[in-house]
Amino acid sequence: MMDQVIIEALRGNRDSAAPKLVIHCPTEEDANELLAVAESYGWRWVDGERPTQDNNWNKYEEKTCYCLNYFRGGLQFGNQDFYLERCTEKIEYVEFSSKDYEPATPDELLSFLSI
């Protein structure tokens, strides 16, 4: 199951998440899983495009991070080094790996989709 910090941020619970949540996805499989869940919660790239249309993982590959940015109102992506250099108390940085999580049950999937 996905980390509760990530789920709360995707749900838009700003009280339990940093204004910016940076999520490192070391594999394209991880990126695709994260972005599919983000899209199911209504997240889009800051330009309004759906994140599953282009995951942008090929630009930084194993150093790819995704940022849930409440200030800009959408998803951003960037290089892991960039985010690590700029992590402050207003940015929370988490590692994500789909291999660390067991597949969600049907009930968990339904709870992900209900806000």
C-alpha atoms as a PDB file:
ATOM      1  CA  MET A   1       0.000   0.000   0.000  1.00  0.00           C
ATOM      2  CA  MET A   2       1.202   3.498  -0.800  1.00  0.00           C
ATOM      3  CA  ASP A   3       2.765   5.617   1.948  1.00  0.00           C
ATOM      4  CA  GLN A   4       0.099   7.505   3.929  1.00  0.00           C
ATOM      5  CA  VAL A   5       1.990  10.803   3.466  1.00  0.00           C
ATOM      6  CA  ILE A   6       1.678  10.392  -0.305  1.00  0.00           C
ATOM      7  CA  ILE A   7      -2.007   9.422  -0.144  1.00  0.00           C
ATOM      8  CA  GLU A   8      -2.872  12.381   2.110  1.00  0.00           C
ATOM      9  CA  ALA A   9      -1.033  14.740  -0.231  1.00  0.00           C
ATOM     10  CA  LEU A  10      -2.756  13.306  -3.309  1.00  0.00           C
ATOM     11  CA  ARG A  11      -6.108  13.722  -1.599  1.00  0.00           C
ATOM     12  CA  GLY A  12      -5.305  17.385  -1.139  1.00  0.00           C
ATOM     13  CA  ASN A  13      -5.133  17.289   2.644  1.00  0.00           C
ATOM     14  CA  ARG A  14      -2.922  20.326   3.068  1.00  0.00           C
ATOM     15  CA  ASP A  15      -2.972  20.048   6.844  1.00  0.00           C
ATOM     16  CA  SER A  16      -1.082  16.750   6.775  1.00  0.00           C
ATOM     17  CA  ALA A  17       1.266  17.423   3.857  1.00  0.00           C
ATOM     18  CA  ALA A  18       3.992  19.920   3.165  1.00  0.00           C
ATOM     19  CA  PRO A  19       3.172  22.709   0.666  1.00  0.00           C
ATOM     20  CA  LYS A  20       5.447  20.796  -1.672  1.00  0.00           C
ATOM     21  CA  LEU A  21       5.867  17.049  -1.504  1.00  0.00           C
ATOM     22  CA  VAL A  22       8.783  15.689  -3.535  1.00  0.00           C
ATOM     23  CA  ILE A  23       8.583  11.991  -4.411  1.00  0.00           C
ATOM     24  CA  HIS A  24      11.590  10.159  -5.839  1.00  0.00           C
ATOM     25  CA  CYS A  25      10.728   7.381  -8.337  1.00  0.00           C
ATOM     26  CA  PRO A  26      13.886   5.427  -9.206  1.00  0.00           C
ATOM     27  CA  THR A  27      12.191   3.311 -11.903  1.00  0.00           C
ATOM     28  CA  GLU A  28       9.766   4.101 -14.691  1.00  0.00           C
ATOM     29  CA  GLU A  29       7.430   1.453 -13.256  1.00  0.00           C
ATOM     30  CA  ASP A  30       7.351   3.412  -9.975  1.00  0.00           C
ATOM     31  CA  ALA A  31       6.692   6.643 -11.859  1.00  0.00           C
ATOM     32  CA  ASN A  32       3.818   5.139 -13.837  1.00  0.00           C
ATOM     33  CA  GLU A  33       2.181   3.756 -10.700  1.00  0.00           C
ATOM     34  CA  LEU A  34       2.520   7.025  -8.787  1.00  0.00           C
ATOM     35  CA  LEU A  35       1.245   9.143 -11.685  1.00  0.00           C
ATOM     36  CA  ALA A  36      -1.747   6.858 -12.309  1.00  0.00           C
ATOM     37  CA  VAL A  37      -2.795   7.222  -8.676  1.00  0.00           C
ATOM     38  CA  ALA A  38      -2.147  10.990  -8.773  1.00  0.00           C
ATOM     39  CA  GLU A  39      -4.298  11.314 -11.871  1.00  0.00           C
ATOM     40  CA  SER A  40      -7.108   9.345 -10.222  1.00  0.00           C
ATOM     41  CA  TYR A  41      -7.161  12.065  -7.536  1.00  0.00           C
ATOM     42  CA  GLY A  42      -7.414  14.773 -10.177  1.00  0.00           C
ATOM     43  CA  TRP A  43      -3.781  15.903 -10.271  1.00  0.00           C
ATOM     44  CA  ARG A  44      -2.504  17.309 -13.578  1.00  0.00           C
ATOM     45  CA  TRP A  45       0.808  18.737 -14.725  1.00  0.00           C
ATOM     46  CA  VAL A  46       0.995  22.478 -14.040  1.00  0.00           C
ATOM     47  CA  ASP A  47       0.228  23.005 -17.754  1.00  0.00           C
ATOM     48  CA  GLY A  48      -3.061  21.080 -17.348  1.00  0.00           C
ATOM     49  CA  GLU A  49      -2.035  17.873 -19.139  1.00  0.00           C
ATOM     50  CA  ARG A  50      -2.776  14.435 -17.656  1.00  0.00           C
ATOM     51  CA  PRO A  51       0.354  12.924 -16.049  1.00  0.00           C
ATOM     52  CA  THR A  52      -0.258   9.498 -17.593  1.00  0.00           C
ATOM     53  CA  GLN A  53       0.041  10.950 -21.100  1.00  0.00           C
ATOM     54  CA  ASP A  54       3.755  11.597 -20.570  1.00  0.00           C
ATOM     55  CA  ASN A  55       5.522  10.596 -17.372  1.00  0.00           C
ATOM     56  CA  ASN A  56       8.660  12.642 -18.239  1.00  0.00           C
ATOM     57  CA  TRP A  57      10.743   9.914 -16.593  1.00  0.00           C
ATOM     58  CA  ASN A  58      13.135   9.695 -19.557  1.00  0.00           C
ATOM     59  CA  LYS A  59      14.503  13.182 -18.871  1.00  0.00           C
ATOM     60  CA  TYR A  60      16.206  12.214 -15.573  1.00  0.00           C
ATOM     61  CA  GLU A  61      15.594   8.442 -15.432  1.00  0.00           C
ATOM     62  CA  GLU A  62      16.594   6.962 -12.032  1.00  0.00           C
ATOM     63  CA  LYS A  63      17.020  10.489 -10.617  1.00  0.00           C
ATOM     64  CA  THR A  64      13.446  11.524 -11.483  1.00  0.00           C
ATOM     65  CA  CYS A  65      11.391  13.206  -8.794  1.00  0.00           C
ATOM     66  CA  TYR A  66       7.818  14.406  -8.926  1.00  0.00           C
ATOM     67  CA  CYS A  67       6.590  17.356  -6.926  1.00  0.00           C
ATOM     68  CA  LEU A  68       3.024  17.833  -5.706  1.00  0.00           C
ATOM     69  CA  ASN A  69       3.021  21.599  -5.626  1.00  0.00           C
ATOM     70  CA  TYR A  70       0.009  23.256  -4.011  1.00  0.00           C
ATOM     71  CA  PHE A  71       1.353  26.757  -4.748  1.00  0.00           C
ATOM     72  CA  ARG A  72       1.460  26.185  -8.515  1.00  0.00           C
ATOM     73  CA  GLY A  73      -1.605  23.975  -8.462  1.00  0.00           C
ATOM     74  CA  GLY A  74      -0.213  20.855 -10.089  1.00  0.00           C
ATOM     75  CA  LEU A  75       2.504  18.295 -10.633  1.00  0.00           C
ATOM     76  CA  GLN A  76       6.059  19.135 -11.570  1.00  0.00           C
ATOM     77  CA  PHE A  77       9.060  16.926 -12.242  1.00  0.00           C
ATOM     78  CA  GLY A  78      12.784  17.413 -11.906  1.00  0.00           C
ATOM     79  CA  ASN A  79      16.178  16.011 -11.101  1.00  0.00           C
ATOM     80  CA  GLN A  80      16.682  14.427  -7.673  1.00  0.00           C
ATOM     81  CA  ASP A  81      19.836  16.499  -7.080  1.00  0.00           C
ATOM     82  CA  PHE A  82      17.892  19.718  -7.711  1.00  0.00           C
ATOM     83  CA  TYR A  83      15.269  18.853  -5.096  1.00  0.00           C
ATOM     84  CA  LEU A  84      17.735  17.528  -2.523  1.00  0.00           C
ATOM     85  CA  GLU A  85      19.768  20.743  -2.738  1.00  0.00           C
ATOM     86  CA  ARG A  86      16.646  22.822  -2.155  1.00  0.00           C
ATOM     87  CA  CYS A  87      14.785  20.749   0.447  1.00  0.00           C
ATOM     88  CA  THR A  88      13.718  23.070   3.222  1.00  0.00           C
ATOM     89  CA  GLU A  89      11.202  22.785   6.009  1.00  0.00           C
ATOM     90  CA  LYS A  90       8.517  23.680   3.435  1.00  0.00           C
ATOM     91  CA  ILE A  91       9.404  20.715   1.223  1.00  0.00           C
ATOM     92  CA  GLU A  92       9.008  17.123   2.294  1.00  0.00           C
ATOM     93  CA  TYR A  93      11.084  14.563   0.381  1.00  0.00           C
ATOM     94  CA  VAL A  94      10.086  10.886   0.278  1.00  0.00           C
ATOM     95  CA  GLU A  95      11.342   7.808  -1.552  1.00  0.00           C
ATOM     96  CA  PHE A  96       8.837   5.752  -3.500  1.00  0.00           C
ATOM     97  CA  SER A  97       9.190   2.269  -4.886  1.00  0.00           C
ATOM     98  CA  SER A  98       6.295   0.176  -6.093  1.00  0.00           C
ATOM     99  CA  LYS A  99       8.297  -2.881  -5.000  1.00  0.00           C
ATOM    100  CA  ASP A 100       8.050  -1.740  -1.361  1.00  0.00           C
ATOM    101  CA  TYR A 101       4.277  -1.927  -1.394  1.00  0.00           C
ATOM    102  CA  GLU A 102       1.934  -4.843  -1.624  1.00  0.00           C
ATOM    103  CA  PRO A 103      -0.790  -4.501  -4.246  1.00  0.00           C
ATOM    104  CA  ALA A 104      -3.824  -2.640  -2.982  1.00  0.00           C
ATOM    105  CA  THR A 105      -6.947  -4.640  -2.245  1.00  0.00           C
ATOM    106  CA  PRO A 106     -10.188  -3.714  -4.051  1.00  0.00           C
ATOM    107  CA  ASP A 107     -11.388  -1.972  -0.867  1.00  0.00           C
ATOM    108  CA  GLU A 108      -8.159   0.048  -0.661  1.00  0.00           C
ATOM    109  CA  LEU A 109      -8.484   1.042  -4.316  1.00  0.00           C
ATOM    110  CA  LEU A 110     -11.995   2.299  -3.660  1.00  0.00           C
ATOM    111  CA  SER A 111     -10.779   4.279  -0.646  1.00  0.00           C
ATOM    112  CA  PHE A 112      -8.053   5.880  -2.837  1.00  0.00           C
ATOM    113  CA  LEU A 113     -10.730   7.100  -5.225  1.00  0.00           C
ATOM    114  CA  SER A 114     -13.079   8.486  -2.579  1.00  0.00           C
ATOM    115  CA  ILE A 115     -12.055  11.865  -1.308  1.00  0.00           C
END
